């Protein structure tokens, strides 16, 4: 793999790893709040489809929403949920991935989100 592919692969693995650990801690993949889903019609209104919207706050966010942003490799998206993970960074080769998970869990707990 070239260097760009390595970064992309590491981000993918980090996303899945963090997502899995958050799910083990009791956060569902996606939350099922009614306002987390919007509908639209296909086929001239014959088929109604749903899509997941961005959560309004941390309590509406699922593990998928909270995990590493694969595009940026960071957690800047946490700001829109009222949380701060700006200092949390995944090291090359994922050497600190367990420390990252621990830091994210601490931030979630500090906001009153219960974990197992």
C-alpha atoms as a PDB file:
ATOM      1  CA  UNK A   1       0.000   0.000   0.000  1.00  0.00           C
ATOM      2  CA  UNK A   2       1.119   3.528  -0.681  1.00  0.00           C
ATOM      3  CA  UNK A   3       1.214   6.046   2.214  1.00  0.00           C
ATOM      4  CA  UNK A   4      -2.252   7.467   1.410  1.00  0.00           C
ATOM      5  CA  UNK A   5      -3.767   3.989   1.399  1.00  0.00           C
ATOM      6  CA  UNK A   6      -2.129   3.233   4.753  1.00  0.00           C
ATOM      7  CA  UNK A   7      -3.694   6.343   6.307  1.00  0.00           C
ATOM      8  CA  UNK A   8      -7.098   5.497   4.843  1.00  0.00           C
ATOM      9  CA  UNK A   9      -6.855   1.909   6.100  1.00  0.00           C
ATOM     10  CA  UNK A  10      -5.756   2.975   9.589  1.00  0.00           C
ATOM     11  CA  UNK A  11      -8.657   5.415   9.816  1.00  0.00           C
ATOM     12  CA  UNK A  12     -11.090   2.701   8.760  1.00  0.00           C
ATOM     13  CA  UNK A  13      -9.723   0.268  11.367  1.00  0.00           C
ATOM     14  CA  UNK A  14      -9.739   2.977  14.058  1.00  0.00           C
ATOM     15  CA  UNK A  15     -13.349   3.885  13.239  1.00  0.00           C
ATOM     16  CA  UNK A  16     -14.496   0.278  13.509  1.00  0.00           C
ATOM     17  CA  UNK A  17     -12.454  -0.381  16.659  1.00  0.00           C
ATOM     18  CA  UNK A  18     -13.762   2.688  18.488  1.00  0.00           C
ATOM     19  CA  UNK A  19     -17.313   2.059  17.291  1.00  0.00           C
ATOM     20  CA  UNK A  20     -17.144  -1.520  18.582  1.00  0.00           C
ATOM     21  CA  UNK A  21     -15.830  -0.476  21.983  1.00  0.00           C
ATOM     22  CA  UNK A  22     -18.515   2.172  22.353  1.00  0.00           C
ATOM     23  CA  UNK A  23     -21.134  -0.442  21.513  1.00  0.00           C
ATOM     24  CA  UNK A  24     -19.639  -2.787  24.120  1.00  0.00           C
ATOM     25  CA  UNK A  25     -19.975   0.102  26.574  1.00  0.00           C
ATOM     26  CA  UNK A  26     -23.723   0.218  25.893  1.00  0.00           C
ATOM     27  CA  UNK A  27     -24.066   2.828  23.168  1.00  0.00           C
ATOM     28  CA  UNK A  28     -26.166   1.498  20.278  1.00  0.00           C
ATOM     29  CA  UNK A  29     -24.851   1.652  16.720  1.00  0.00           C
ATOM     30  CA  UNK A  30     -27.450   4.389  15.988  1.00  0.00           C
ATOM     31  CA  UNK A  31     -30.011   5.857  18.349  1.00  0.00           C
ATOM     32  CA  UNK A  32     -33.659   5.346  17.512  1.00  0.00           C
ATOM     33  CA  UNK A  33     -34.975   8.767  18.493  1.00  0.00           C
ATOM     34  CA  UNK A  34     -37.804   9.755  16.126  1.00  0.00           C
ATOM     35  CA  UNK A  35     -36.067  13.022  15.251  1.00  0.00           C
ATOM     36  CA  UNK A  36     -32.968  11.090  14.136  1.00  0.00           C
ATOM     37  CA  UNK A  37     -34.727   9.851  11.015  1.00  0.00           C
ATOM     38  CA  UNK A  38     -36.200  11.730   8.084  1.00  0.00           C
ATOM     39  CA  UNK A  39     -38.222  10.307   5.231  1.00  0.00           C
ATOM     40  CA  UNK A  40     -38.459  10.979   1.542  1.00  0.00           C
ATOM     41  CA  UNK A  41     -40.435   9.420  -1.298  1.00  0.00           C
ATOM     42  CA  UNK A  42     -39.041   7.603  -4.299  1.00  0.00           C
ATOM     43  CA  UNK A  43     -40.843   6.396  -7.416  1.00  0.00           C
ATOM     44  CA  UNK A  44     -43.351   9.251  -7.476  1.00  0.00           C
ATOM     45  CA  UNK A  45     -44.359   8.712  -3.873  1.00  0.00           C
ATOM     46  CA  UNK A  46     -44.809   4.935  -4.066  1.00  0.00           C
ATOM     47  CA  UNK A  47     -41.825   4.077  -1.859  1.00  0.00           C
ATOM     48  CA  UNK A  48     -40.991   5.858   1.352  1.00  0.00           C
ATOM     49  CA  UNK A  49     -37.365   5.663   2.408  1.00  0.00           C
ATOM     50  CA  UNK A  50     -35.665   6.850   5.578  1.00  0.00           C
ATOM     51  CA  UNK A  51     -32.230   8.205   6.261  1.00  0.00           C
ATOM     52  CA  UNK A  52     -30.358   8.920   9.452  1.00  0.00           C
ATOM     53  CA  UNK A  53     -29.842  12.602  10.203  1.00  0.00           C
ATOM     54  CA  UNK A  54     -27.007  14.063  12.246  1.00  0.00           C
ATOM     55  CA  UNK A  55     -27.813  13.847  15.977  1.00  0.00           C
ATOM     56  CA  UNK A  56     -28.921  17.019  17.738  1.00  0.00           C
ATOM     57  CA  UNK A  57     -26.845  16.307  20.844  1.00  0.00           C
ATOM     58  CA  UNK A  58     -24.622  13.702  22.479  1.00  0.00           C
ATOM     59  CA  UNK A  59     -27.604  11.859  23.957  1.00  0.00           C
ATOM     60  CA  UNK A  60     -28.982  11.227  20.468  1.00  0.00           C
ATOM     61  CA  UNK A  61     -25.640  10.061  19.046  1.00  0.00           C
ATOM     62  CA  UNK A  62     -24.881   6.424  18.419  1.00  0.00           C
ATOM     63  CA  UNK A  63     -21.512   4.684  18.364  1.00  0.00           C
ATOM     64  CA  UNK A  64     -21.278   5.166  14.601  1.00  0.00           C
ATOM     65  CA  UNK A  65     -21.787   8.923  14.967  1.00  0.00           C
ATOM     66  CA  UNK A  66     -19.267   9.195  17.803  1.00  0.00           C
ATOM     67  CA  UNK A  67     -16.499   7.160  16.246  1.00  0.00           C
ATOM     68  CA  UNK A  68     -13.484   8.576  14.425  1.00  0.00           C
ATOM     69  CA  UNK A  69     -14.294  10.611  11.323  1.00  0.00           C
ATOM     70  CA  UNK A  70     -12.626   8.569   8.611  1.00  0.00           C
ATOM     71  CA  UNK A  71     -12.290  11.577   6.315  1.00  0.00           C
ATOM     72  CA  UNK A  72     -10.448  13.836   8.750  1.00  0.00           C
ATOM     73  CA  UNK A  73      -9.071  11.232  11.123  1.00  0.00           C
ATOM     74  CA  UNK A  74     -10.299  13.179  14.121  1.00  0.00           C
ATOM     75  CA  UNK A  75     -13.157  14.006  16.421  1.00  0.00           C
ATOM     76  CA  UNK A  76     -13.996  17.583  15.441  1.00  0.00           C
ATOM     77  CA  UNK A  77     -17.592  16.483  14.876  1.00  0.00           C
ATOM     78  CA  UNK A  78     -17.983  16.077  18.643  1.00  0.00           C
ATOM     79  CA  UNK A  79     -18.168  19.889  18.970  1.00  0.00           C
ATOM     80  CA  UNK A  80     -21.551  19.898  17.238  1.00  0.00           C
ATOM     81  CA  UNK A  81     -22.763  17.495  19.928  1.00  0.00           C
ATOM     82  CA  UNK A  82     -21.630  19.734  22.773  1.00  0.00           C
ATOM     83  CA  UNK A  83     -18.508  17.750  23.597  1.00  0.00           C
ATOM     84  CA  UNK A  84     -14.793  18.320  23.275  1.00  0.00           C
ATOM     85  CA  UNK A  85     -12.451  15.663  21.964  1.00  0.00           C
ATOM     86  CA  UNK A  86     -10.207  18.103  20.116  1.00  0.00           C
ATOM     87  CA  UNK A  87      -7.091  16.910  21.934  1.00  0.00           C
ATOM     88  CA  UNK A  88      -7.780  13.251  21.210  1.00  0.00           C
ATOM     89  CA  UNK A  89      -5.654  12.025  18.330  1.00  0.00           C
ATOM     90  CA  UNK A  90      -5.012   8.550  17.026  1.00  0.00           C
ATOM     91  CA  UNK A  91      -1.292   7.880  16.675  1.00  0.00           C
ATOM     92  CA  UNK A  92       0.230   6.347  13.545  1.00  0.00           C
ATOM     93  CA  UNK A  93      -0.142   2.582  13.436  1.00  0.00           C
ATOM     94  CA  UNK A  94      -2.917   2.994  16.033  1.00  0.00           C
ATOM     95  CA  UNK A  95      -0.368   2.687  18.847  1.00  0.00           C
ATOM     96  CA  UNK A  96      -2.571   4.609  21.303  1.00  0.00           C
ATOM     97  CA  UNK A  97      -5.989   3.339  20.235  1.00  0.00           C
ATOM     98  CA  UNK A  98      -6.938   2.066  23.696  1.00  0.00           C
ATOM     99  CA  UNK A  99      -5.965   5.423  25.225  1.00  0.00           C
ATOM    100  CA  UNK A 100      -8.183   7.121  22.623  1.00  0.00           C
ATOM    101  CA  UNK A 101     -11.134   4.914  23.553  1.00  0.00           C
ATOM    102  CA  UNK A 102     -10.557   5.659  27.254  1.00  0.00           C
ATOM    103  CA  UNK A 103     -10.412   9.432  26.622  1.00  0.00           C
ATOM    104  CA  UNK A 104     -13.621   9.339  24.589  1.00  0.00           C
ATOM    105  CA  UNK A 105     -15.402   7.378  27.296  1.00  0.00           C
ATOM    106  CA  UNK A 106     -14.292   9.919  29.912  1.00  0.00           C
ATOM    107  CA  UNK A 107     -15.734  12.758  27.839  1.00  0.00           C
ATOM    108  CA  UNK A 108     -19.014  10.875  27.409  1.00  0.00           C
ATOM    109  CA  UNK A 109     -19.207  10.195  31.139  1.00  0.00           C
ATOM    110  CA  UNK A 110     -18.472  13.854  31.907  1.00  0.00           C
ATOM    111  CA  UNK A 111     -21.570  14.784  29.883  1.00  0.00           C
ATOM    112  CA  UNK A 112     -23.763  12.361  31.828  1.00  0.00           C
ATOM    113  CA  UNK A 113     -23.898   9.598  29.238  1.00  0.00           C
ATOM    114  CA  UNK A 114     -24.053   6.265  31.032  1.00  0.00           C
ATOM    115  CA  UNK A 115     -21.705   3.486  29.987  1.00  0.00           C
ATOM    116  CA  UNK A 116     -21.402  -0.136  31.069  1.00  0.00           C
END
